[in-house]
C-alpha atoms as a PDB file:
ATOM      1  CA  MET A   1      95.289  96.546 102.386  1.00  0.00           C
ATOM      2  CA  GLU A   2      97.177  99.571 104.180  1.00  0.00           C
ATOM      3  CA  CYS A   3     100.184  98.166 106.152  1.00  0.00           C
ATOM      4  CA  GLN A   4      99.661 100.281 109.362  1.00  0.00           C
ATOM      5  CA  LYS A   5      95.522  98.329 109.128  1.00  0.00           C
ATOM      6  CA  LEU A   6      97.440  94.458 107.785  1.00  0.00           C
ATOM      7  CA  LEU A   7      96.566  93.166 111.127  1.00  0.00           C
ATOM      8  CA  GLU A   8      93.052  94.065 111.195  1.00  0.00           C
ATOM      9  CA  SER A   9      92.433  93.334 107.264  1.00  0.00           C
ATOM     10  CA  VAL A  10      93.891  90.022 107.508  1.00  0.00           C
ATOM     11  CA  ASP A  11      90.642  89.016 109.893  1.00  0.00           C
ATOM     12  CA  ILE A  12      88.270  90.307 107.371  1.00  0.00           C
ATOM     13  CA  PHE A  13      89.702  88.428 104.481  1.00  0.00           C
ATOM     14  CA  GLY A  14      88.816  85.453 106.059  1.00  0.00           C
ATOM     15  CA  TYR A  15      84.920  86.002 105.593  1.00  0.00           C
ATOM     16  CA  ALA A  16      86.323  85.838 101.940  1.00  0.00           C
ATOM     17  CA  GLY A  17      88.601  82.106 102.771  1.00  0.00           C
ATOM     18  CA  VAL A  18      91.389  83.999 102.274  1.00  0.00           C
ATOM     19  CA  CYS A  19      94.496  83.023 105.302  1.00  0.00           C
ATOM     20  CA  VAL A  20      97.167  84.453 105.402  1.00  0.00           C
ATOM     21  CA  GLY A  21      98.936  84.223 108.955  1.00  0.00           C
ATOM     22  CA  VAL A  22      99.085  85.782 112.090  1.00  0.00           C
ATOM     23  CA  GLU A  23     102.604  85.353 112.240  1.00  0.00           C
ATOM     24  CA  ASN A  24     102.834  85.845 108.194  1.00  0.00           C
ATOM     25  CA  SER A  25     101.079  89.075 108.929  1.00  0.00           C
ATOM     26  CA  GLN A  26     102.832  90.112 111.642  1.00  0.00           C
ATOM     27  CA  LEU A  27     106.336  89.947 109.489  1.00  0.00           C
ATOM     28  CA  LEU A  28     104.495  91.514 106.551  1.00  0.00           C
ATOM     29  CA  GLN A  29     103.694  94.550 107.971  1.00  0.00           C
ATOM     30  CA  ASN A  30     107.111  94.983 110.103  1.00  0.00           C
ATOM     31  CA  SER A  31     108.841  95.003 106.682  1.00  0.00           C
ATOM     32  CA  LEU A  32     106.654  97.423 104.474  1.00  0.00           C
ATOM     33  CA  ILE A  33     106.063  99.681 107.975  1.00  0.00           C
ATOM     34  CA  ILE A  34     110.108  99.378 107.352  1.00  0.00           C
ATOM     35  CA  LEU A  35     110.280 100.254 103.233  1.00  0.00           C
ATOM     36  CA  GLN A  36     107.340 103.335 103.630  1.00  0.00           C
ATOM     37  CA  GLN A  37     109.863 104.989 105.940  1.00  0.00           C
ATOM     38  CA  GLU A  38     112.658 104.125 103.541  1.00  0.00           C
ATOM     39  CA  ASN A  39     110.813 105.488 100.718  1.00  0.00           C
ATOM     40  CA  ARG A  40     109.015 108.348 102.694  1.00  0.00           C
ATOM     41  CA  PHE A  41     105.344 107.015 101.074  1.00  0.00           C
ATOM     42  CA  ARG A  42     102.555 108.737 103.011  1.00  0.00           C
ATOM     43  CA  LYS A  43     101.518 105.272 102.899  1.00  0.00           C
ATOM     44  CA  CYS A  44     102.131 101.721 102.246  1.00  0.00           C
ATOM     45  CA  TYR A  45      99.593  98.457 100.663  1.00  0.00           C
ATOM     46  CA  TYR A  46     100.260  94.788 100.365  1.00  0.00           C
ATOM     47  CA  TRP A  47      98.787  93.725  97.338  1.00  0.00           C
ATOM     48  CA  GLY A  48      99.051  90.638  97.466  1.00  0.00           C
ATOM     49  CA  LYS A  49     100.549  87.218  96.152  1.00  0.00           C
ATOM     50  CA  ILE A  50     101.328  85.786  93.242  1.00  0.00           C
ATOM     51  CA  TYR A  51     101.590  81.883  92.814  1.00  0.00           C
ATOM     52  CA  GLY A  52     105.658  80.333  91.355  1.00  0.00           C
ATOM     53  CA  ALA A  53     106.666  76.888  91.393  1.00  0.00           C
ATOM     54  CA  ARG A  54     109.803  77.742  93.304  1.00  0.00           C
ATOM     55  CA  ASN A  55     108.876  81.175  95.493  1.00  0.00           C
ATOM     56  CA  ASP A  56     105.389  83.049  96.249  1.00  0.00           C
ATOM     57  CA  TYR A  57     106.096  86.938  95.085  1.00  0.00           C
ATOM     58  CA  HIS A  58     104.342  88.909  97.335  1.00  0.00           C
ATOM     59  CA  ILE A  59     103.658  92.240  95.565  1.00  0.00           C
ATOM     60  CA  ALA A  60     103.586  96.078  97.468  1.00  0.00           C
ATOM     61  CA  PHE A  61     103.395  99.154  96.445  1.00  0.00           C
ATOM     62  CA  GLY A  62     103.282 103.032  98.175  1.00  0.00           C
ATOM     63  CA  PHE A  63     102.495 106.574  97.224  1.00  0.00           C
ATOM     64  CA  GLN A  64     104.137 109.892  98.111  1.00  0.00           C
ATOM     65  CA  LYS A  65     101.340 112.304  97.180  1.00  0.00           C
ATOM     66  CA  ASP A  66      98.963 111.355  94.346  1.00  0.00           C
ATOM     67  CA  CYS A  67      97.276 108.107  94.998  1.00  0.00           C
ATOM     68  CA  MET A  68      96.702 106.831  91.568  1.00  0.00           C
ATOM     69  CA  ASN A  69      99.801 108.172  89.141  1.00  0.00           C
ATOM     70  CA  ASP A  70     102.566 108.220  91.398  1.00  0.00           C
ATOM     71  CA  GLN A  71     102.262 104.541  92.396  1.00  0.00           C
ATOM     72  CA  MET A  72     105.562 102.547  93.546  1.00  0.00           C
ATOM     73  CA  TYR A  73     105.740  98.674  92.954  1.00  0.00           C
ATOM     74  CA  TYR A  74     107.925  96.631  94.992  1.00  0.00           C
ATOM     75  CA  TYR A  75     108.218  92.588  94.621  1.00  0.00           C
ATOM     76  CA  SER A  76     109.878  90.365  97.312  1.00  0.00           C
ATOM     77  CA  THR A  77     110.156  86.569  97.618  1.00  0.00           C
ATOM     78  CA  ASP A  78     110.392  86.259 101.230  1.00  0.00           C
ATOM     79  CA  GLY A  79     108.670  89.167 102.127  1.00  0.00           C
ATOM     80  CA  LEU A  80     111.295  91.110 104.195  1.00  0.00           C
ATOM     81  CA  ASN A  81     113.327  92.307 101.494  1.00  0.00           C
ATOM     82  CA  TRP A  82     111.735  94.384  98.505  1.00  0.00           C
ATOM     83  CA  PHE A  83     113.032  95.406  95.166  1.00  0.00           C
ATOM     84  CA  LEU A  84     111.114  98.190  93.296  1.00  0.00           C
ATOM     85  CA  LEU A  85     109.454  96.421  90.125  1.00  0.00           C
ATOM     86  CA  PRO A  86     110.336  97.960  86.375  1.00  0.00           C
ATOM     87  CA  LYS A  87     107.389  99.190  84.851  1.00  0.00           C
ATOM     88  CA  ALA A  88     105.924  97.173  82.397  1.00  0.00           C
ATOM     89  CA  ASN A  89     107.686  97.345  78.590  1.00  0.00           C
ATOM     90  CA  LYS A  90     105.749  97.094  75.598  1.00  0.00           C
ATOM     91  CA  CYS A  91     106.948  93.679  74.601  1.00  0.00           C
ATOM     92  CA  ALA A  92     105.685  92.524  78.082  1.00  0.00           C
ATOM     93  CA  ARG A  93     101.934  93.819  77.933  1.00  0.00           C
ATOM     94  CA  PHE A  94     102.543  91.796  74.654  1.00  0.00           C
ATOM     95  CA  LEU A  95     103.324  88.601  75.625  1.00  0.00           C
ATOM     96  CA  THR A  96     102.390  88.200  78.507  1.00  0.00           C
ATOM     97  CA  PRO A  97      98.859  87.159  77.759  1.00  0.00           C
ATOM     98  CA  LEU A  98     100.259  84.870  75.469  1.00  0.00           C
ATOM     99  CA  ALA A  99     102.067  82.801  78.569  1.00  0.00           C
ATOM    100  CA  ILE A 100     100.697  79.908  79.709  1.00  0.00           C
ATOM    101  CA  ASN A 101     103.416  78.510  82.508  1.00  0.00           C
ATOM    102  CA  LYS A 102     103.416  79.356  85.783  1.00  0.00           C
ATOM    103  CA  PHE A 103     105.686  82.117  87.079  1.00  0.00           C
ATOM    104  CA  GLU A 104     108.850  80.235  88.787  1.00  0.00           C
ATOM    105  CA  GLY A 105     109.206  82.769  91.213  1.00  0.00           C
ATOM    106  CA  ASP A 106     112.972  83.442  89.753  1.00  0.00           C
ATOM    107  CA  PRO A 107     112.851  87.175  88.693  1.00  0.00           C
ATOM    108  CA  SER A 108     116.132  86.326  86.323  1.00  0.00           C
ATOM    109  CA  ILE A 109     114.088  83.330  84.081  1.00  0.00           C
ATOM    110  CA  VAL A 110     114.158  84.300  80.163  1.00  0.00           C
ATOM    111  CA  THR A 111     111.870  82.096  78.733  1.00  0.00           C
ATOM    112  CA  ASN A 112     110.700  81.189  74.958  1.00  0.00           C
ATOM    113  CA  VAL A 113     106.536  82.117  75.174  1.00  0.00           C
ATOM    114  CA  TYR A 114     106.082  80.259  71.822  1.00  0.00           C
ATOM    115  CA  ASN A 115     108.292  78.476  69.445  1.00  0.00           C
ATOM    116  CA  ALA A 116     107.935  78.447  66.317  1.00  0.00           C
ATOM    117  CA  ASN A 117     105.143  80.696  64.280  1.00  0.00           C
ATOM    118  CA  PRO A 118     103.822  83.512  65.927  1.00  0.00           C
ATOM    119  CA  PRO A 119     100.461  83.671  67.549  1.00  0.00           C
ATOM    120  CA  PHE A 120      98.891  85.635  64.613  1.00  0.00           C
ATOM    121  CA  PRO A 121      96.466  84.477  62.332  1.00  0.00           C
ATOM    122  CA  PRO A 122      98.064  83.188  58.991  1.00  0.00           C
ATOM    123  CA  ASN A 123      97.098  85.785  56.400  1.00  0.00           C
ATOM    124  CA  GLU A 124      96.945  88.845  59.039  1.00  0.00           C
ATOM    125  CA  ASP A 125      99.940  91.101  59.284  1.00  0.00           C
ATOM    126  CA  PRO A 126     102.247  90.962  62.225  1.00  0.00           C
ATOM    127  CA  LYS A 127     101.984  94.712  62.587  1.00  0.00           C
ATOM    128  CA  LYS A 128      98.587  95.177  63.353  1.00  0.00           C
ATOM    129  CA  TYR A 129      99.576  93.534  66.817  1.00  0.00           C
ATOM    130  CA  TYR A 130     103.143  94.488  67.073  1.00  0.00           C
ATOM    131  CA  ASP A 131     104.613  97.307  65.708  1.00  0.00           C
ATOM    132  CA  GLY A 132     108.672  95.997  65.501  1.00  0.00           C
ATOM    133  CA  PRO A 133     110.828  92.607  65.408  1.00  0.00           C
ATOM    134  CA  ILE A 134     108.188  89.779  66.728  1.00  0.00           C
ATOM    135  CA  PRO A 135     109.446  89.317  70.620  1.00  0.00           C
ATOM    136  CA  ARG A 136     109.616  85.632  71.721  1.00  0.00           C
ATOM    137  CA  GLU A 137     111.153  86.147  74.962  1.00  0.00           C
ATOM    138  CA  LEU A 138     110.113  86.966  78.235  1.00  0.00           C
ATOM    139  CA  LYS A 139     112.467  87.827  81.558  1.00  0.00           C
ATOM    140  CA  GLU A 140     109.854  86.220  84.605  1.00  0.00           C
ATOM    141  CA  GLU A 141     110.275  89.786  86.163  1.00  0.00           C
ATOM    142  CA  ASP A 142     108.924  92.001  82.646  1.00  0.00           C
ATOM    143  CA  ARG A 143     106.182  89.305  83.071  1.00  0.00           C
ATOM    144  CA  LEU A 144     105.120  90.490  87.057  1.00  0.00           C
ATOM    145  CA  ALA A 145     105.258  93.834  86.399  1.00  0.00           C
ATOM    146  CA  ALA A 146     103.207  93.524  83.222  1.00  0.00           C
ATOM    147  CA  THR A 147     100.694  91.124  85.209  1.00  0.00           C
ATOM    148  CA  ILE A 148     100.495  94.001  88.175  1.00  0.00           C
ATOM    149  CA  GLU A 149      99.528  95.810  85.751  1.00  0.00           C
ATOM    150  CA  ILE A 150      96.841  94.438  84.240  1.00  0.00           C
ATOM    151  CA  ILE A 151      95.401  92.873  86.918  1.00  0.00           C
ATOM    152  CA  ARG A 152      95.407  96.848  88.317  1.00  0.00           C
ATOM    153  CA  GLU A 153      93.454  97.844  85.244  1.00  0.00           C
ATOM    154  CA  ASP A 154      90.593  95.264  85.294  1.00  0.00           C
ATOM    155  CA  ALA A 155      90.512  94.321  88.747  1.00  0.00           C
ATOM    156  CA  ILE A 156      91.088  97.413  91.647  1.00  0.00           C
ATOM    157  CA  ILE A 157      88.649  99.141  92.756  1.00  0.00           C
ATOM    158  CA  ILE A 158      87.634 101.943  95.640  1.00  0.00           C
ATOM    159  CA  PRO A 159      84.438 103.206  96.664  1.00  0.00           C
ATOM    160  CA  ARG A 160      82.675 105.388  95.264  1.00  0.00           C
ATOM    161  CA  GLY A 161      84.136 109.157  97.425  1.00  0.00           C
ATOM    162  CA  ALA A 162      87.221 107.122  98.281  1.00  0.00           C
ATOM    163  CA  TRP A 163      89.608 109.553  95.882  1.00  0.00           C
ATOM    164  CA  PHE A 164      89.459 112.905  95.047  1.00  0.00           C
ATOM    165  CA  LYS A 165      90.700 115.187  92.316  1.00  0.00           C
ATOM    166  CA  CYS A 166      91.453 118.307  93.168  1.00  0.00           C
ATOM    167  CA  PRO A 167      91.398 121.169  90.472  1.00  0.00           C
ATOM    168  CA  ASN A 168      94.958 121.061  89.478  1.00  0.00           C
ATOM    169  CA  GLY A 169      94.373 117.064  88.421  1.00  0.00           C
ATOM    170  CA  ASP A 170      96.510 115.789  91.368  1.00  0.00           C
ATOM    171  CA  ILE A 171      93.988 112.539  92.766  1.00  0.00           C
ATOM    172  CA  ILE A 172      94.467 112.189  96.913  1.00  0.00           C
ATOM    173  CA  GLU A 173      92.248 110.618  99.397  1.00  0.00           C
ATOM    174  CA  ASN A 174      89.277 112.443 100.381  1.00  0.00           C
ATOM    175  CA  LEU A 175      89.728 113.085 103.898  1.00  0.00           C
ATOM    176  CA  GLY A 176      85.849 113.555 103.968  1.00  0.00           C
ATOM    177  CA  PHE A 177      84.802 109.575 103.121  1.00  0.00           C
ATOM    178  CA  GLU A 178      82.739 107.947 105.629  1.00  0.00           C
ATOM    179  CA  GLY A 179      81.849 104.678 103.427  1.00  0.00           C
ATOM    180  CA  LEU A 180      79.370 103.659 101.800  1.00  0.00           C
ATOM    181  CA  ASN A 181      75.753 102.802 103.217  1.00  0.00           C
ATOM    182  CA  VAL A 182      73.874  99.833 102.679  1.00  0.00           C
ATOM    183  CA  ALA A 183      71.722 101.505 100.115  1.00  0.00           C
ATOM    184  CA  ASP A 184      75.011 102.701  98.387  1.00  0.00           C
ATOM    185  CA  ALA A 185      77.313  99.207  98.810  1.00  0.00           C
ATOM    186  CA  SER A 186      74.602  96.969  97.087  1.00  0.00           C
ATOM    187  CA  TYR A 187      74.809  98.338  93.672  1.00  0.00           C
ATOM    188  CA  LEU A 188      78.401  97.642  91.722  1.00  0.00           C
ATOM    189  CA  LYS A 189      78.396 101.182  90.049  1.00  0.00           C
ATOM    190  CA  SER A 190      79.305 102.447  93.929  1.00  0.00           C
ATOM    191  CA  TYR A 191      82.646 100.883  93.176  1.00  0.00           C
ATOM    192  CA  LEU A 192      85.298 102.407  91.025  1.00  0.00           C
ATOM    193  CA  HIS A 193      88.219 101.239  89.195  1.00  0.00           C
ATOM    194  CA  ALA A 194      91.508 102.839  91.049  1.00  0.00           C
ATOM    195  CA  ARG A 195      93.018 103.448  87.414  1.00  0.00           C
ATOM    196  CA  PRO A 196      93.020 106.137  84.724  1.00  0.00           C
ATOM    197  CA  PRO A 197      89.303 106.318  83.236  1.00  0.00           C
ATOM    198  CA  GLN A 198      88.754 104.413  79.709  1.00  0.00           C
ATOM    199  CA  GLN A 199      85.121 106.053  79.598  1.00  0.00           C
ATOM    200  CA  LYS A 200      84.660 108.635  78.074  1.00  0.00           C
ATOM    201  CA  TRP A 201      84.667 111.793  80.708  1.00  0.00           C
ATOM    202  CA  ASN A 202      80.561 112.314  80.756  1.00  0.00           C
ATOM    203  CA  THR A 203      79.140 108.320  80.903  1.00  0.00           C
ATOM    204  CA  ASN A 204      79.067 109.331  84.663  1.00  0.00           C
ATOM    205  CA  LEU A 205      77.753 112.481  83.653  1.00  0.00           C
ATOM    206  CA  LEU A 206      74.372 110.789  81.678  1.00  0.00           C
ATOM    207  CA  MET A 207      73.689 107.853  84.051  1.00  0.00           C
ATOM    208  CA  ARG A 208      74.153 109.514  88.059  1.00  0.00           C
ATOM    209  CA  PRO A 209      71.818 112.163  89.241  1.00  0.00           C
ATOM    210  CA  ASP A 210      74.385 113.038  91.975  1.00  0.00           C
ATOM    211  CA  TYR A 211      77.141 113.453  89.987  1.00  0.00           C
ATOM    212  CA  ASN A 212      80.039 115.272  91.251  1.00  0.00           C
ATOM    213  CA  TYR A 213      83.128 115.101  88.693  1.00  0.00           C
ATOM    214  CA  ALA A 214      85.426 115.412  91.785  1.00  0.00           C
ATOM    215  CA  ILE A 215      84.631 111.855  93.239  1.00  0.00           C
ATOM    216  CA  ASP A 216      82.865 110.051  89.608  1.00  0.00           C
ATOM    217  CA  PHE A 217      86.196 110.755  87.706  1.00  0.00           C
ATOM    218  CA  LEU A 218      86.880 107.524  87.422  1.00  0.00           C
ATOM    219  CA  ASP A 219      84.867 104.406  85.841  1.00  0.00           C
ATOM    220  CA  THR A 220      82.420 102.308  87.194  1.00  0.00           C
ATOM    221  CA  ILE A 221      82.699  98.484  86.932  1.00  0.00           C
ATOM    222  CA  ASP A 222      79.128  98.633  86.824  1.00  0.00           C
ATOM    223  CA  LEU A 223      80.084  98.864  82.996  1.00  0.00           C
ATOM    224  CA  ASP A 224      82.776  95.444  82.931  1.00  0.00           C
ATOM    225  CA  VAL A 225      82.736  93.275  79.926  1.00  0.00           C
ATOM    226  CA  PRO A 226      81.542  90.928  80.742  1.00  0.00           C
ATOM    227  CA  GLN A 227      78.443  91.628  82.646  1.00  0.00           C
ATOM    228  CA  GLY A 228      78.287  89.723  85.790  1.00  0.00           C
ATOM    229  CA  SER A 229      81.913  89.294  86.401  1.00  0.00           C
ATOM    230  CA  TRP A 230      81.788  90.585  89.701  1.00  0.00           C
ATOM    231  CA  ASN A 231      80.450  88.640  92.834  1.00  0.00           C
ATOM    232  CA  LEU A 232      79.148  90.676  95.281  1.00  0.00           C
ATOM    233  CA  GLN A 233      77.959  89.625  99.223  1.00  0.00           C
ATOM    234  CA  PHE A 234      77.409  90.914 102.644  1.00  0.00           C
ATOM    235  CA  PHE A 235      78.920  90.034 105.583  1.00  0.00           C
ATOM    236  CA  LEU A 236      78.131  90.388 109.274  1.00  0.00           C
ATOM    237  CA  GLY A 237      74.301  91.651 109.229  1.00  0.00           C
ATOM    238  CA  LYS A 238      75.178  93.405 106.611  1.00  0.00           C
ATOM    239  CA  ARG A 239      78.424  95.668 107.939  1.00  0.00           C
ATOM    240  CA  LEU A 240      80.860  94.150 105.528  1.00  0.00           C
ATOM    241  CA  ILE A 241      80.521  93.560 102.138  1.00  0.00           C
ATOM    242  CA  ILE A 242      82.922  91.576  99.886  1.00  0.00           C
ATOM    243  CA  LEU A 243      83.701  91.465  96.153  1.00  0.00           C
ATOM    244  CA  HIS A 244      85.272  89.133  94.176  1.00  0.00           C
ATOM    245  CA  SER A 245      86.494  89.540  90.397  1.00  0.00           C
ATOM    246  CA  LEU A 246      84.777  86.454  88.086  1.00  0.00           C
ATOM    247  CA  LEU A 247      87.703  88.064  85.603  1.00  0.00           C
ATOM    248  CA  TRP A 248      90.957  87.406  88.035  1.00  0.00           C
ATOM    249  CA  PRO A 249      90.174  84.419  90.483  1.00  0.00           C
ATOM    250  CA  GLY A 250      91.902  85.799  93.571  1.00  0.00           C
ATOM    251  CA  MET A 251      91.319  88.807  94.078  1.00  0.00           C
ATOM    252  CA  THR A 252      89.159  90.303  96.695  1.00  0.00           C
ATOM    253  CA  PHE A 253      88.000  93.551  97.931  1.00  0.00           C
ATOM    254  CA  TYR A 254      86.557  94.488 101.217  1.00  0.00           C
ATOM    255  CA  HIS A 255      84.690  97.767 102.916  1.00  0.00           C
ATOM    256  CA  LYS A 256      83.336  97.729 106.093  1.00  0.00           C
ATOM    257  CA  LEU A 257      79.947 100.122 105.457  1.00  0.00           C
ATOM    258  CA  ASN A 258      80.142 103.251 107.268  1.00  0.00           C
ATOM    259  CA  THR A 259      83.458 103.578 108.109  1.00  0.00           C
ATOM    260  CA  PRO A 260      86.961 105.046 105.799  1.00  0.00           C
ATOM    261  CA  HIS A 261      87.990 101.138 105.645  1.00  0.00           C
ATOM    262  CA  TYR A 262      88.444  99.836 103.192  1.00  0.00           C
ATOM    263  CA  GLY A 263      91.108  97.468 100.661  1.00  0.00           C
ATOM    264  CA  PHE A 264      91.995  94.547  98.850  1.00  0.00           C
ATOM    265  CA  LEU A 265      94.072  91.561  98.432  1.00  0.00           C
ATOM    266  CA  TYR A 266      95.092  88.814  95.238  1.00  0.00           C
ATOM    267  CA  PHE A 267      96.307  85.580  95.776  1.00  0.00           C
ATOM    268  CA  GLY A 268      96.361  84.240  92.730  1.00  0.00           C
ATOM    269  CA  HIS A 269      98.241  82.601  89.900  1.00  0.00           C
ATOM    270  CA  GLY A 270      98.752  86.011  87.772  1.00  0.00           C
ATOM    271  CA  LYS A 271      95.930  84.339  84.907  1.00  0.00           C
ATOM    272  CA  ARG A 272      93.186  85.962  84.037  1.00  0.00           C
ATOM    273  CA  ASN A 273      90.003  83.160  83.873  1.00  0.00           C
ATOM    274  CA  MET A 274      89.648  83.020  79.984  1.00  0.00           C
ATOM    275  CA  ASP A 275      86.089  81.506  80.552  1.00  0.00           C
ATOM    276  CA  VAL A 276      83.981  84.113  82.173  1.00  0.00           C
ATOM    277  CA  ALA A 277      81.405  84.553  79.660  1.00  0.00           C
ATOM    278  CA  PHE A 278      80.536  80.768  80.181  1.00  0.00           C
ATOM    279  CA  MET A 279      80.115  81.503  83.896  1.00  0.00           C
ATOM    280  CA  VAL A 280      77.701  84.091  84.295  1.00  0.00           C
END
């Protein structure tokens, strides 16, 4: 959620059972405004919190121009001092889904993800899964970066029309976005993944009679597998909508209907729900 609207957004997340606290939210807002000014971000957002055994990780990000491709992520263990999060490397992307222990809260810790044998079927070629020497050790800072990147790909969403793709390829916030109405907000196809598209470019073209490439260039969440991995609820007399991700417990999205106000927040352990297929 945008740091300038953090206090207002925290009240909204109360309907989803998420409690940040007035004092903590005020401290976060002040530190994020400073982070935005120091890096000359156009906008800065509070991404959420990943729980750790010793300390929790607060996550924030900002961008200068392109709101999807120029995002820079930061982490903090106290909500005041922010450190640049490195890009997720190939090794971290491979080992992070295999890590079963909780985050410790110390970014310098290096752990051995598995002991003796690589986590492959015994008769298969390891190069099918990882090209190169099979890694074992994973630094927690790299694991944090990979976890955030994976969650972004799976569960961070925006309402249809919130972003606009320019003719030169830049993706910017749509200043003409006035929010979804009740009729559109009740359909999952009105919500898009805030990541580079993975479906074919003509998927929305074949499914939407009101197709507009400038706003329909992203994947809709109604195509997510498994079906039913999003829970949609109305509040405040259908003036507020909240979506929960069953794939990533702790990921919450909200949108105040007929207004441009929307946002998301993740409070969780950074672990995917592997049982979601049995829950829907």
